């Protein structure tokens, strides 16, 4: 099995979470004229399926981050076979 590809993308909007917890958020990567951006989707609870269906990647929010702002760089893991839209 191969490793998932890791990329970095600029966050669209703001995102907050509890500190000291690493989170892999359901997200959507967007190719904005050659600049890779990522939007963390609403509905992050495990029982929310609409956000999972809309997602095309995971956004890794490290345990050291609590509040992220527009333009912050985050690591993303595109779902296999998905290309930026």
PDB file of N, CA and C in Angstrom:
ATOM      1  N   UNK A   1       0.831  -1.181   0.000  1.00  0.00           N
ATOM      2  CA  UNK A   1       0.000   0.000   0.000  1.00  0.00           C
ATOM      3  C   UNK A   1       0.876   1.244   0.000  1.00  0.00           C
ATOM      4  N   UNK A   2       0.499   2.210  -0.814  1.00  0.00           N
ATOM      5  CA  UNK A   2       1.242   3.461  -0.891  1.00  0.00           C
ATOM      6  C   UNK A   2       0.777   4.448   0.165  1.00  0.00           C
ATOM      7  N   UNK A   3       1.581   5.442   0.374  1.00  0.00           N
ATOM      8  CA  UNK A   3       1.213   6.511   1.304  1.00  0.00           C
ATOM      9  C   UNK A   3       0.267   7.489   0.618  1.00  0.00           C
ATOM     10  N   UNK A   4      -0.599   8.077   1.425  1.00  0.00           N
ATOM     11  CA  UNK A   4      -1.473   9.116   0.888  1.00  0.00           C
ATOM     12  C   UNK A   4      -0.625  10.332   0.527  1.00  0.00           C
ATOM     13  N   UNK A   5      -0.941  11.008  -0.581  1.00  0.00           N
ATOM     14  CA  UNK A   5      -0.189  12.211  -0.927  1.00  0.00           C
ATOM     15  C   UNK A   5      -0.500  13.332   0.065  1.00  0.00           C
ATOM     16  N   UNK A   6       0.528  14.055   0.466  1.00  0.00           N
ATOM     17  CA  UNK A   6       0.355  15.183   1.379  1.00  0.00           C
ATOM     18  C   UNK A   6       0.653  16.448   0.606  1.00  0.00           C
ATOM     19  N   UNK A   7      -0.231  17.433   0.741  1.00  0.00           N
ATOM     20  CA  UNK A   7      -0.036  18.725   0.095  1.00  0.00           C
ATOM     21  C   UNK A   7      -0.310  19.811   1.124  1.00  0.00           C
ATOM     22  N   UNK A   8       0.065  21.028   0.805  1.00  0.00           N
ATOM     23  CA  UNK A   8      -0.272  22.163   1.661  1.00  0.00           C
ATOM     24  C   UNK A   8      -1.188  23.085   0.874  1.00  0.00           C
ATOM     25  N   UNK A   9      -2.173  23.624   1.575  1.00  0.00           N
ATOM     26  CA  UNK A   9      -3.147  24.508   0.940  1.00  0.00           C
ATOM     27  C   UNK A   9      -3.460  25.662   1.875  1.00  0.00           C
ATOM     28  N   UNK A  10      -3.880  26.786   1.294  1.00  0.00           N
ATOM     29  CA  UNK A  10      -4.273  27.958   2.073  1.00  0.00           C
ATOM     30  C   UNK A  10      -5.725  27.798   2.521  1.00  0.00           C
ATOM     31  N   UNK A  11      -5.958  28.035   3.782  1.00  0.00           N
ATOM     32  CA  UNK A  11      -7.293  27.911   4.351  1.00  0.00           C
ATOM     33  C   UNK A  11      -8.205  29.016   3.833  1.00  0.00           C
ATOM     34  N   UNK A  12      -9.422  28.644   3.508  1.00  0.00           N
ATOM     35  CA  UNK A  12     -10.467  29.597   3.127  1.00  0.00           C
ATOM     36  C   UNK A  12     -11.306  29.845   4.375  1.00  0.00           C
ATOM     37  N   UNK A  13     -11.352  31.078   4.831  1.00  0.00           N
ATOM     38  CA  UNK A  13     -12.138  31.417   6.014  1.00  0.00           C
ATOM     39  C   UNK A  13     -11.379  31.149   7.304  1.00  0.00           C
ATOM     40  N   UNK A  14     -12.136  30.962   8.367  1.00  0.00           N
ATOM     41  CA  UNK A  14     -11.567  30.741   9.692  1.00  0.00           C
ATOM     42  C   UNK A  14     -11.994  29.363  10.192  1.00  0.00           C
ATOM     43  N   UNK A  15     -11.214  28.807  11.110  1.00  0.00           N
ATOM     44  CA  UNK A  15     -11.585  27.535  11.728  1.00  0.00           C
ATOM     45  C   UNK A  15     -11.036  27.502  13.141  1.00  0.00           C
ATOM     46  N   UNK A  16     -11.868  27.068  14.090  1.00  0.00           N
ATOM     47  CA  UNK A  16     -11.457  26.954  15.490  1.00  0.00           C
ATOM     48  C   UNK A  16     -11.767  25.555  16.002  1.00  0.00           C
ATOM     49  N   UNK A  17     -10.928  25.088  16.907  1.00  0.00           N
ATOM     50  CA  UNK A  17     -11.122  23.794  17.544  1.00  0.00           C
ATOM     51  C   UNK A  17     -10.490  23.830  18.916  1.00  0.00           C
ATOM     52  N   UNK A  18     -10.729  22.784  19.705  1.00  0.00           N
ATOM     53  CA  UNK A  18     -10.080  22.658  21.003  1.00  0.00           C
ATOM     54  C   UNK A  18      -8.595  22.434  20.794  1.00  0.00           C
ATOM     55  N   UNK A  19      -7.773  23.136  21.568  1.00  0.00           N
ATOM     56  CA  UNK A  19      -6.333  22.928  21.448  1.00  0.00           C
ATOM     57  C   UNK A  19      -5.953  21.553  22.008  1.00  0.00           C
ATOM     58  N   UNK A  20      -4.760  21.130  21.742  1.00  0.00           N
ATOM     59  CA  UNK A  20      -4.175  19.868  22.186  1.00  0.00           C
ATOM     60  C   UNK A  20      -4.829  18.641  21.561  1.00  0.00           C
ATOM     61  N   UNK A  21      -5.624  18.822  20.545  1.00  0.00           N
ATOM     62  CA  UNK A  21      -6.201  17.694  19.810  1.00  0.00           C
ATOM     63  C   UNK A  21      -5.878  17.854  18.335  1.00  0.00           C
ATOM     64  N   UNK A  22      -5.281  16.837  17.725  1.00  0.00           N
ATOM     65  CA  UNK A  22      -5.077  16.849  16.271  1.00  0.00           C
ATOM     66  C   UNK A  22      -6.389  16.433  15.634  1.00  0.00           C
ATOM     67  N   UNK A  23      -6.756  17.123  14.571  1.00  0.00           N
ATOM     68  CA  UNK A  23      -8.037  16.850  13.914  1.00  0.00           C
ATOM     69  C   UNK A  23      -7.821  16.665  12.426  1.00  0.00           C
ATOM     70  N   UNK A  24      -8.484  15.678  11.871  1.00  0.00           N
ATOM     71  CA  UNK A  24      -8.536  15.494  10.428  1.00  0.00           C
ATOM     72  C   UNK A  24      -9.956  15.847  10.009  1.00  0.00           C
ATOM     73  N   UNK A  25     -10.103  17.063   9.481  1.00  0.00           N
ATOM     74  CA  UNK A  25     -11.418  17.616   9.176  1.00  0.00           C
ATOM     75  C   UNK A  25     -11.845  17.288   7.755  1.00  0.00           C
ATOM     76  N   UNK A  26     -13.145  17.056   7.582  1.00  0.00           N
ATOM     77  CA  UNK A  26     -13.710  16.890   6.248  1.00  0.00           C
ATOM     78  C   UNK A  26     -13.577  18.227   5.534  1.00  0.00           C
ATOM     79  N   UNK A  27     -13.000  18.197   4.344  1.00  0.00           N
ATOM     80  CA  UNK A  27     -12.697  19.457   3.672  1.00  0.00           C
ATOM     81  C   UNK A  27     -12.814  19.313   2.161  1.00  0.00           C
ATOM     82  N   UNK A  28     -12.789  20.457   1.509  1.00  0.00           N
ATOM     83  CA  UNK A  28     -12.852  20.490   0.046  1.00  0.00           C
ATOM     84  C   UNK A  28     -11.679  21.310  -0.467  1.00  0.00           C
ATOM     85  N   UNK A  29     -10.841  20.672  -1.291  1.00  0.00           N
ATOM     86  CA  UNK A  29      -9.725  21.399  -1.901  1.00  0.00           C
ATOM     87  C   UNK A  29     -10.198  22.057  -3.181  1.00  0.00           C
ATOM     88  N   UNK A  30      -9.650  23.246  -3.444  1.00  0.00           N
ATOM     89  CA  UNK A  30     -10.046  24.044  -4.603  1.00  0.00           C
ATOM     90  C   UNK A  30      -8.782  24.560  -5.260  1.00  0.00           C
ATOM     91  N   UNK A  31      -8.684  24.403  -6.567  1.00  0.00           N
ATOM     92  CA  UNK A  31      -7.569  24.982  -7.319  1.00  0.00           C
ATOM     93  C   UNK A  31      -8.025  26.345  -7.815  1.00  0.00           C
ATOM     94  N   UNK A  32      -7.465  27.390  -7.221  1.00  0.00           N
ATOM     95  CA  UNK A  32      -7.851  28.772  -7.523  1.00  0.00           C
ATOM     96  C   UNK A  32      -6.758  29.407  -8.371  1.00  0.00           C
ATOM     97  N   UNK A  33      -6.834  29.216  -9.688  1.00  0.00           N
ATOM     98  CA  UNK A  33      -5.835  29.743 -10.624  1.00  0.00           C
ATOM     99  C   UNK A  33      -4.414  29.348 -10.223  1.00  0.00           C
ATOM    100  N   UNK A  34      -4.236  28.073  -9.928  1.00  0.00           N
ATOM    101  CA  UNK A  34      -2.917  27.544  -9.586  1.00  0.00           C
ATOM    102  C   UNK A  34      -2.566  27.607  -8.116  1.00  0.00           C
ATOM    103  N   UNK A  35      -3.405  28.252  -7.296  1.00  0.00           N
ATOM    104  CA  UNK A  35      -3.180  28.309  -5.850  1.00  0.00           C
ATOM    105  C   UNK A  35      -4.120  27.294  -5.201  1.00  0.00           C
ATOM    106  N   UNK A  36      -3.541  26.352  -4.459  1.00  0.00           N
ATOM    107  CA  UNK A  36      -4.346  25.325  -3.807  1.00  0.00           C
ATOM    108  C   UNK A  36      -4.927  25.892  -2.515  1.00  0.00           C
ATOM    109  N   UNK A  37      -6.251  25.853  -2.413  1.00  0.00           N
ATOM    110  CA  UNK A  37      -6.962  26.338  -1.226  1.00  0.00           C
ATOM    111  C   UNK A  37      -7.785  25.193  -0.658  1.00  0.00           C
ATOM    112  N   UNK A  38      -8.143  25.310   0.606  1.00  0.00           N
ATOM    113  CA  UNK A  38      -8.959  24.279   1.241  1.00  0.00           C
ATOM    114  C   UNK A  38     -10.015  24.941   2.127  1.00  0.00           C
ATOM    115  N   UNK A  39     -11.217  24.426   2.023  1.00  0.00           N
ATOM    116  CA  UNK A  39     -12.341  24.888   2.847  1.00  0.00           C
ATOM    117  C   UNK A  39     -12.718  23.764   3.799  1.00  0.00           C
ATOM    118  N   UNK A  40     -12.643  24.024   5.101  1.00  0.00           N
ATOM    119  CA  UNK A  40     -13.109  23.053   6.090  1.00  0.00           C
ATOM    120  C   UNK A  40     -14.630  23.143   6.091  1.00  0.00           C
ATOM    121  N   UNK A  41     -15.275  22.012   5.883  1.00  0.00           N
ATOM    122  CA  UNK A  41     -16.731  21.991   5.742  1.00  0.00           C
ATOM    123  C   UNK A  41     -17.427  21.993   7.099  1.00  0.00           C
ATOM    124  N   UNK A  42     -18.631  22.541   7.137  1.00  0.00           N
ATOM    125  CA  UNK A  42     -19.416  22.470   8.374  1.00  0.00           C
ATOM    126  C   UNK A  42     -19.946  21.049   8.525  1.00  0.00           C
ATOM    127  N   UNK A  43     -20.335  20.690   9.716  1.00  0.00           N
ATOM    128  CA  UNK A  43     -20.836  19.340   9.961  1.00  0.00           C
ATOM    129  C   UNK A  43     -19.712  18.344  10.170  1.00  0.00           C
ATOM    130  N   UNK A  44     -18.801  18.638  11.079  1.00  0.00           N
ATOM    131  CA  UNK A  44     -17.653  17.772  11.318  1.00  0.00           C
ATOM    132  C   UNK A  44     -17.976  16.567  12.209  1.00  0.00           C
ATOM    133  N   UNK A  45     -19.143  16.531  12.800  1.00  0.00           N
ATOM    134  CA  UNK A  45     -19.499  15.401  13.651  1.00  0.00           C
ATOM    135  C   UNK A  45     -19.491  14.111  12.821  1.00  0.00           C
ATOM    136  N   UNK A  46     -19.133  13.002  13.457  1.00  0.00           N
ATOM    137  CA  UNK A  46     -18.997  11.731  12.735  1.00  0.00           C
ATOM    138  C   UNK A  46     -20.300  11.254  12.101  1.00  0.00           C
ATOM    139  N   UNK A  47     -21.436  11.660  12.641  1.00  0.00           N
ATOM    140  CA  UNK A  47     -22.719  11.207  12.090  1.00  0.00           C
ATOM    141  C   UNK A  47     -23.212  12.088  10.939  1.00  0.00           C
ATOM    142  N   UNK A  48     -22.507  13.153  10.620  1.00  0.00           N
ATOM    143  CA  UNK A  48     -22.906  14.053   9.523  1.00  0.00           C
ATOM    144  C   UNK A  48     -22.372  13.516   8.200  1.00  0.00           C
ATOM    145  N   UNK A  49     -23.238  13.024   7.357  1.00  0.00           N
ATOM    146  CA  UNK A  49     -22.830  12.401   6.101  1.00  0.00           C
ATOM    147  C   UNK A  49     -22.763  13.385   4.938  1.00  0.00           C
ATOM    148  N   UNK A  50     -23.563  14.445   4.963  1.00  0.00           N
ATOM    149  CA  UNK A  50     -23.573  15.391   3.839  1.00  0.00           C
ATOM    150  C   UNK A  50     -22.187  16.020   3.654  1.00  0.00           C
ATOM    151  N   UNK A  51     -21.534  16.384   4.759  1.00  0.00           N
ATOM    152  CA  UNK A  51     -20.205  16.987   4.636  1.00  0.00           C
ATOM    153  C   UNK A  51     -19.177  15.970   4.145  1.00  0.00           C
ATOM    154  N   UNK A  52     -19.317  14.711   4.518  1.00  0.00           N
ATOM    155  CA  UNK A  52     -18.407  13.677   4.027  1.00  0.00           C
ATOM    156  C   UNK A  52     -18.599  13.459   2.529  1.00  0.00           C
ATOM    157  N   UNK A  53     -19.837  13.503   2.070  1.00  0.00           N
ATOM    158  CA  UNK A  53     -20.108  13.342   0.640  1.00  0.00           C
ATOM    159  C   UNK A  53     -19.586  14.521  -0.176  1.00  0.00           C
ATOM    160  N   UNK A  54     -19.575  15.718   0.419  1.00  0.00           N
ATOM    161  CA  UNK A  54     -19.087  16.913  -0.277  1.00  0.00           C
ATOM    162  C   UNK A  54     -17.568  17.032  -0.229  1.00  0.00           C
ATOM    163  N   UNK A  55     -16.927  16.311   0.688  1.00  0.00           N
ATOM    164  CA  UNK A  55     -15.474  16.421   0.886  1.00  0.00           C
ATOM    165  C   UNK A  55     -14.704  15.713  -0.229  1.00  0.00           C
ATOM    166  N   UNK A  56     -13.516  16.250  -0.536  1.00  0.00           N
ATOM    167  CA  UNK A  56     -12.608  15.560  -1.449  1.00  0.00           C
ATOM    168  C   UNK A  56     -11.202  15.432  -0.857  1.00  0.00           C
ATOM    169  N   UNK A  57     -11.088  15.795   0.454  1.00  0.00           N
ATOM    170  CA  UNK A  57      -9.806  15.646   1.142  1.00  0.00           C
ATOM    171  C   UNK A  57     -10.022  15.746   2.648  1.00  0.00           C
ATOM    172  N   UNK A  58      -8.976  15.389   3.384  1.00  0.00           N
ATOM    173  CA  UNK A  58      -8.906  15.635   4.819  1.00  0.00           C
ATOM    174  C   UNK A  58      -7.987  16.824   5.026  1.00  0.00           C
ATOM    175  N   UNK A  59      -8.341  17.728   5.917  1.00  0.00           N
ATOM    176  CA  UNK A  59      -7.466  18.834   6.312  1.00  0.00           C
ATOM    177  C   UNK A  59      -6.934  18.514   7.705  1.00  0.00           C
ATOM    178  N   UNK A  60      -5.619  18.466   7.839  1.00  0.00           N
ATOM    179  CA  UNK A  60      -5.008  18.159   9.136  1.00  0.00           C
ATOM    180  C   UNK A  60      -4.828  19.456   9.916  1.00  0.00           C
ATOM    181  N   UNK A  61      -5.493  19.524  11.064  1.00  0.00           N
ATOM    182  CA  UNK A  61      -5.365  20.674  11.948  1.00  0.00           C
ATOM    183  C   UNK A  61      -4.551  20.197  13.150  1.00  0.00           C
ATOM    184  N   UNK A  62      -3.310  20.670  13.287  1.00  0.00           N
ATOM    185  CA  UNK A  62      -2.434  20.133  14.334  1.00  0.00           C
ATOM    186  C   UNK A  62      -2.890  20.490  15.745  1.00  0.00           C
ATOM    187  N   UNK A  63      -2.381  19.718  16.691  1.00  0.00           N
ATOM    188  CA  UNK A  63      -2.760  19.937  18.094  1.00  0.00           C
ATOM    189  C   UNK A  63      -2.289  21.286  18.616  1.00  0.00           C
ATOM    190  N   UNK A  64      -1.293  21.880  17.994  1.00  0.00           N
ATOM    191  CA  UNK A  64      -0.779  23.172  18.442  1.00  0.00           C
ATOM    192  C   UNK A  64      -1.638  24.346  17.966  1.00  0.00           C
ATOM    193  N   UNK A  65      -2.595  24.096  17.089  1.00  0.00           N
ATOM    194  CA  UNK A  65      -3.438  25.169  16.542  1.00  0.00           C
ATOM    195  C   UNK A  65      -4.833  25.100  17.168  1.00  0.00           C
ATOM    196  N   UNK A  66      -5.351  26.240  17.569  1.00  0.00           N
ATOM    197  CA  UNK A  66      -6.716  26.314  18.076  1.00  0.00           C
ATOM    198  C   UNK A  66      -7.571  27.183  17.163  1.00  0.00           C
ATOM    199  N   UNK A  67      -7.023  28.305  16.735  1.00  0.00           N
ATOM    200  CA  UNK A  67      -7.746  29.233  15.868  1.00  0.00           C
ATOM    201  C   UNK A  67      -6.918  29.488  14.621  1.00  0.00           C
ATOM    202  N   UNK A  68      -7.456  29.128  13.477  1.00  0.00           N
ATOM    203  CA  UNK A  68      -6.804  29.376  12.196  1.00  0.00           C
ATOM    204  C   UNK A  68      -7.561  30.485  11.473  1.00  0.00           C
ATOM    205  N   UNK A  69      -6.832  31.282  10.717  1.00  0.00           N
ATOM    206  CA  UNK A  69      -7.460  32.377   9.988  1.00  0.00           C
ATOM    207  C   UNK A  69      -7.277  32.184   8.493  1.00  0.00           C
ATOM    208  N   UNK A  70      -8.011  32.952   7.732  1.00  0.00           N
ATOM    209  CA  UNK A  70      -7.988  32.898   6.278  1.00  0.00           C
ATOM    210  C   UNK A  70      -6.545  33.019   5.772  1.00  0.00           C
ATOM    211  N   UNK A  71      -6.132  32.083   4.921  1.00  0.00           N
ATOM    212  CA  UNK A  71      -4.806  32.126   4.334  1.00  0.00           C
ATOM    213  C   UNK A  71      -3.761  31.298   5.057  1.00  0.00           C
ATOM    214  N   UNK A  72      -4.059  30.816   6.269  1.00  0.00           N
ATOM    215  CA  UNK A  72      -3.103  29.953   6.964  1.00  0.00           C
ATOM    216  C   UNK A  72      -2.881  28.674   6.161  1.00  0.00           C
ATOM    217  N   UNK A  73      -1.646  28.184   6.171  1.00  0.00           N
ATOM    218  CA  UNK A  73      -1.328  26.943   5.465  1.00  0.00           C
ATOM    219  C   UNK A  73      -1.661  25.741   6.331  1.00  0.00           C
ATOM    220  N   UNK A  74      -2.333  24.766   5.739  1.00  0.00           N
ATOM    221  CA  UNK A  74      -2.629  23.507   6.423  1.00  0.00           C
ATOM    222  C   UNK A  74      -2.279  22.357   5.495  1.00  0.00           C
ATOM    223  N   UNK A  75      -1.960  21.222   6.096  1.00  0.00           N
ATOM    224  CA  UNK A  75      -1.698  20.016   5.316  1.00  0.00           C
ATOM    225  C   UNK A  75      -3.034  19.405   4.905  1.00  0.00           C
ATOM    226  N   UNK A  76      -3.091  18.924   3.677  1.00  0.00           N
ATOM    227  CA  UNK A  76      -4.295  18.231   3.225  1.00  0.00           C
ATOM    228  C   UNK A  76      -3.901  16.883   2.638  1.00  0.00           C
ATOM    229  N   UNK A  77      -4.823  15.958   2.739  1.00  0.00           N
ATOM    230  CA  UNK A  77      -4.656  14.612   2.205  1.00  0.00           C
ATOM    231  C   UNK A  77      -5.807  14.369   1.224  1.00  0.00           C
ATOM    232  N   UNK A  78      -5.562  14.578  -0.077  1.00  0.00           N
ATOM    233  CA  UNK A  78      -6.629  14.367  -1.063  1.00  0.00           C
ATOM    234  C   UNK A  78      -7.087  12.912  -1.072  1.00  0.00           C
ATOM    235  N   UNK A  79      -8.372  12.730  -1.261  1.00  0.00           N
ATOM    236  CA  UNK A  79      -8.883  11.377  -1.419  1.00  0.00           C
ATOM    237  C   UNK A  79      -8.295  10.801  -2.707  1.00  0.00           C
ATOM    238  N   UNK A  80      -7.964   9.562  -2.707  1.00  0.00           N
ATOM    239  CA  UNK A  80      -7.363   8.911  -3.872  1.00  0.00           C
ATOM    240  C   UNK A  80      -8.291   9.078  -5.075  1.00  0.00           C
ATOM    241  N   UNK A  81      -7.713   9.535  -6.196  1.00  0.00           N
ATOM    242  CA  UNK A  81      -8.482   9.704  -7.422  1.00  0.00           C
ATOM    243  C   UNK A  81      -9.129  11.054  -7.583  1.00  0.00           C
ATOM    244  N   UNK A  82      -9.041  11.910  -6.553  1.00  0.00           N
ATOM    245  CA  UNK A  82      -9.646  13.246  -6.646  1.00  0.00           C
ATOM    246  C   UNK A  82      -8.601  14.254  -7.084  1.00  0.00           C
ATOM    247  N   UNK A  83      -8.972  15.104  -7.986  1.00  0.00           N
ATOM    248  CA  UNK A  83      -8.131  16.206  -8.433  1.00  0.00           C
ATOM    249  C   UNK A  83      -8.750  17.492  -7.935  1.00  0.00           C
ATOM    250  N   UNK A  84      -7.947  18.532  -7.677  1.00  0.00           N
ATOM    251  CA  UNK A  84      -8.539  19.812  -7.263  1.00  0.00           C
ATOM    252  C   UNK A  84      -9.531  20.310  -8.298  1.00  0.00           C
ATOM    253  N   UNK A  85     -10.638  20.836  -7.831  1.00  0.00           N
ATOM    254  CA  UNK A  85     -11.698  21.343  -8.711  1.00  0.00           C
ATOM    255  C   UNK A  85     -11.397  22.759  -9.114  1.00  0.00           C
TER     256      UNK A  85
END
